[in-house]
Every structure is written in C-alpha cells, then in structure tokens.
Amino acid sequence: MILSKAENVLEMKFIPRPNCPTPNVVAIDPDLNASGVAAWHYPSRTWTMAKSVSIENILEALKDLDPTETTVYLEAGWKIKKHNLRGGNYATAQAKARNVGENHATGKLIAKIIRKAGFTVHEFSPLRKGIFKTMEGIWTEHGRKYVAKESGLSHRMNDDVRDAIYTVLHFR
C-alpha cells in the first residue's frame, strides 16, 4: 500500500511478482469424477471461477481464458514420494491404491488436454496444508475459515475446489 500525499489516503498498487507471469492463473486439483478448478484474474483482482468441473468439460470451463495469457498449475500427486498403505485389510488397501492410480491418470490426462489447447501447465507436488487438513485429507474448520477469509469466497464448495483456491492463493 502506498500513501498518497495529495489525497492523504491509502491506495493499492499492484506489484507484479515473479511467480505470476500471466494475467490469469488457474489451479486444478484433479479428481476422477469432478476436478476442483479456480481461476484468478490479476488486472481486475477477481476470481473468475471456483467450481467443480468434470474431465470432459475442462476445456469448456477454460474457454473464456486466452491460453497465451493463462498459467495453469496442476496438482501432481504422482510427484510425491510413495508410501505403503498399511493398516486395514487387503480389500481396503486395494481400493485406496486403485483410487490413487485413477486420480493420477486423470491428472496426467488433464495436463495433456490443456497443453494441447495451448495453455502453459506447471505440474507441482501437492502443497503442505499443515493444520488446515486432517491426515485423511479433509479440510478442518480452521482451514475452511482460512480459505474463506483469504479468498473472499464464501459459497459452498467441496474440498477439491478448496484445494484449487488454496493453490491459487499460494502461486498468485
């Protein structure tokens, strides 16, 4: 913020940061059924999107954004160190492994589709959420309040959309 001597009021000045190379930033948290997608427009400083989008509608959701002016950040769970899924029974471990594998394949497919459409895609390891999420990956009440306060968005949203918003907040 800068204090203007003439008007003696505070005014906001946009200072470009090195991690926001384009006017639009999109974050995608891939999921097999519906991925969380959030988009931030720097010049107007507004959210242009924060919703769940199915894989077949991902390009339709991004149609209003110019690929040359948009950077897409895609959460790439396949980039993290693998852990053994111990505990529980064999069927539970198999179901978890299948779900993880399907989500990874979905993320890789989304990255291919978006790159082919001309967007710049950055795949990143999932961000550490600390006290904002439980060990099961569910957002805590504290985490929900943090995302609502920092983003200014208060509408109902699922955890995938919340993850995408958190990613935009991190990279913008």
Protein backbone atom coordinates (compact mmCIF):
# COMPACT_ATOMS: atom_id res chain seq x y z
CA MET A 1 0.00 0.00 0.00
CA ILE A 2 1.14 3.49 -0.78
CA LEU A 3 0.09 6.66 0.98
CA SER A 4 -0.71 9.40 -1.50
CA LYS A 5 0.28 12.84 -0.13
CA ALA A 6 -2.13 14.72 -2.37
CA GLU A 7 -5.21 12.82 -1.23
CA ASN A 8 -3.83 11.58 2.11
CA VAL A 9 -5.49 8.20 1.54
CA LEU A 10 -4.21 4.68 1.16
CA GLU A 11 -4.37 3.23 -2.33
CA MET A 12 -3.47 -0.24 -3.51
CA LYS A 13 -0.69 -0.56 -6.08
CA PHE A 14 -0.35 -3.84 -7.94
CA ILE A 15 3.20 -5.10 -7.67
CA PRO A 16 3.93 -7.94 -10.11
CA ARG A 17 5.51 -10.97 -8.51
CA PRO A 18 7.90 -13.34 -10.28
CA ASN A 19 5.59 -16.32 -9.76
CA CYS A 20 2.67 -14.76 -11.67
CA PRO A 21 3.91 -14.43 -15.26
CA THR A 22 0.47 -14.06 -16.86
CA PRO A 23 -2.71 -12.06 -16.16
CA ASN A 24 -4.70 -15.25 -15.46
CA VAL A 25 -3.78 -18.00 -13.03
CA VAL A 26 -5.73 -21.26 -12.94
CA ALA A 27 -5.29 -24.05 -10.41
CA ILE A 28 -6.66 -27.54 -10.93
CA ASP A 29 -6.95 -30.28 -8.31
CA PRO A 30 -7.62 -33.35 -10.49
CA ASP A 31 -10.14 -35.98 -9.48
CA LEU A 32 -11.72 -38.83 -11.40
CA ASN A 33 -15.32 -37.58 -11.10
CA ALA A 34 -15.01 -33.80 -10.83
CA SER A 35 -11.83 -31.73 -10.51
CA GLY A 36 -11.63 -28.56 -8.48
CA VAL A 37 -10.86 -25.55 -10.69
CA ALA A 38 -10.14 -22.00 -9.52
CA ALA A 39 -9.13 -19.02 -11.69
CA TRP A 40 -7.79 -15.61 -10.63
CA HIS A 41 -7.59 -12.56 -12.92
CA TYR A 42 -4.77 -10.21 -11.85
CA PRO A 43 -5.71 -6.96 -13.62
CA SER A 44 -9.20 -6.90 -12.08
CA ARG A 45 -8.09 -8.79 -8.95
CA THR A 46 -11.15 -11.03 -9.08
CA TRP A 47 -11.97 -14.71 -9.04
CA THR A 48 -13.31 -15.71 -12.44
CA MET A 49 -14.03 -19.30 -11.46
CA ALA A 50 -14.19 -21.56 -8.41
CA LYS A 51 -16.12 -24.75 -9.09
CA SER A 52 -16.03 -28.48 -9.76
CA VAL A 53 -15.60 -29.48 -13.40
CA SER A 54 -15.76 -32.96 -14.93
CA ILE A 55 -12.86 -34.07 -17.12
CA GLU A 56 -14.93 -33.91 -20.31
CA ASN A 57 -15.88 -30.28 -19.60
CA ILE A 58 -12.46 -28.97 -18.58
CA LEU A 59 -11.79 -27.12 -21.85
CA GLU A 60 -15.34 -25.75 -21.87
CA ALA A 61 -14.69 -24.25 -18.43
CA LEU A 62 -11.47 -22.59 -19.66
CA LYS A 63 -12.88 -21.35 -23.00
CA ASP A 64 -13.07 -17.69 -21.90
CA LEU A 65 -9.36 -17.60 -21.00
CA ASP A 66 -6.70 -16.83 -23.60
CA PRO A 67 -4.11 -19.66 -23.46
CA THR A 68 -1.24 -17.22 -24.08
CA GLU A 69 -2.31 -15.13 -21.08
CA THR A 70 -3.02 -18.00 -18.69
CA THR A 71 -0.78 -20.11 -16.49
CA VAL A 72 -2.25 -23.37 -15.20
CA TYR A 73 -0.99 -25.02 -12.01
CA LEU A 74 -1.94 -28.70 -11.80
CA GLU A 75 -1.57 -30.63 -8.55
CA ALA A 76 0.53 -33.66 -9.48
CA GLY A 77 0.15 -36.26 -6.75
CA TRP A 78 2.35 -38.66 -8.73
CA LYS A 79 5.37 -36.45 -7.96
CA ILE A 80 5.37 -37.16 -4.23
CA LYS A 81 7.23 -39.98 -2.53
CA LYS A 82 5.13 -43.12 -2.40
CA HIS A 83 4.03 -44.54 0.94
CA ASN A 84 2.89 -48.02 1.81
CA LEU A 85 -0.80 -48.07 2.62
CA ARG A 86 -0.53 -50.15 5.79
CA GLY A 87 -3.28 -50.89 8.20
CA GLY A 88 -6.77 -52.04 7.44
CA ASN A 89 -7.44 -55.09 5.35
CA TYR A 90 -6.31 -56.12 1.90
CA ALA A 91 -9.51 -55.02 0.14
CA THR A 92 -9.30 -51.54 1.67
CA ALA A 93 -5.66 -51.17 0.61
CA GLN A 94 -6.54 -52.30 -2.93
CA ALA A 95 -9.43 -49.83 -3.16
CA LYS A 96 -7.20 -46.95 -1.99
CA ALA A 97 -4.47 -47.90 -4.45
CA ARG A 98 -6.97 -48.10 -7.33
CA ASN A 99 -8.45 -44.70 -6.41
CA VAL A 100 -4.99 -43.10 -6.21
CA GLY A 101 -3.99 -44.60 -9.56
CA GLU A 102 -7.18 -43.41 -11.26
CA ASN A 103 -6.70 -39.87 -9.92
CA HIS A 104 -3.08 -39.81 -11.11
CA ALA A 105 -4.14 -40.93 -14.59
CA THR A 106 -6.88 -38.27 -14.61
CA GLY A 107 -4.35 -35.57 -13.70
CA LYS A 108 -1.95 -36.65 -16.44
CA LEU A 109 -4.79 -36.71 -18.99
CA ILE A 110 -5.98 -33.23 -17.97
CA ALA A 111 -2.41 -31.93 -18.35
CA LYS A 112 -2.20 -33.37 -21.89
CA ILE A 113 -5.59 -31.94 -22.90
CA ILE A 114 -4.79 -28.47 -21.59
CA ARG A 115 -1.27 -28.40 -23.08
CA LYS A 116 -2.67 -29.38 -26.48
CA ALA A 117 -5.11 -26.45 -26.22
CA GLY A 118 -2.10 -24.11 -25.88
CA PHE A 119 -2.03 -23.45 -22.14
CA THR A 120 1.20 -23.34 -20.13
CA VAL A 121 0.90 -26.07 -17.48
CA HIS A 122 3.06 -26.34 -14.36
CA GLU A 123 2.74 -29.64 -12.50
CA PHE A 124 3.60 -29.34 -8.81
CA SER A 125 3.70 -31.65 -5.81
CA PRO A 126 0.72 -31.16 -3.50
CA LEU A 127 1.23 -28.23 -1.15
CA ARG A 128 1.58 -28.91 2.55
CA LYS A 129 -1.59 -27.87 4.27
CA GLY A 130 -0.40 -28.34 7.89
CA ILE A 131 -3.19 -27.61 10.35
CA PHE A 132 -5.64 -26.86 7.55
CA LYS A 133 -6.26 -30.55 6.72
CA THR A 134 -6.60 -33.80 8.63
CA MET A 135 -4.42 -36.84 7.95
CA GLU A 136 -7.28 -38.19 5.79
CA GLY A 137 -7.09 -35.10 3.58
CA ILE A 138 -10.28 -33.44 4.81
CA TRP A 139 -10.24 -29.68 5.42
CA THR A 140 -10.51 -28.69 9.08
CA GLU A 141 -12.79 -25.90 10.28
CA HIS A 142 -9.70 -23.70 10.73
CA GLY A 143 -8.62 -24.43 7.14
CA ARG A 144 -12.07 -23.66 5.75
CA LYS A 145 -12.15 -20.33 7.57
CA TYR A 146 -8.64 -19.50 6.32
CA VAL A 147 -9.56 -20.14 2.67
CA ALA A 148 -12.81 -18.16 3.01
CA LYS A 149 -11.01 -15.22 4.66
CA GLU A 150 -8.05 -15.09 2.26
CA SER A 151 -10.05 -15.65 -0.92
CA GLY A 152 -13.18 -13.69 -0.04
CA LEU A 153 -15.26 -16.59 -1.37
CA SER A 154 -17.94 -17.83 1.00
CA HIS A 155 -20.15 -20.02 -1.21
CA ARG A 156 -20.44 -23.76 -0.62
CA MET A 157 -17.59 -25.72 -2.18
CA ASN A 158 -16.13 -29.19 -1.98
CA ASP A 159 -12.59 -29.98 -0.85
CA ASP A 160 -11.22 -30.21 -4.42
CA VAL A 161 -12.36 -26.65 -5.16
CA ARG A 162 -10.94 -25.51 -1.81
CA ASP A 163 -7.60 -27.14 -2.74
CA ALA A 164 -7.60 -25.28 -6.08
CA ILE A 165 -8.33 -21.95 -4.36
CA TYR A 166 -5.55 -22.62 -1.84
CA THR A 167 -3.18 -23.29 -4.75
CA VAL A 168 -4.07 -20.00 -6.47
CA LEU A 169 -3.54 -18.19 -3.17
CA HIS A 170 -0.10 -19.79 -2.97
CA PHE A 171 1.04 -19.05 -6.54
CA ARG A 172 -0.54 -15.64 -7.17
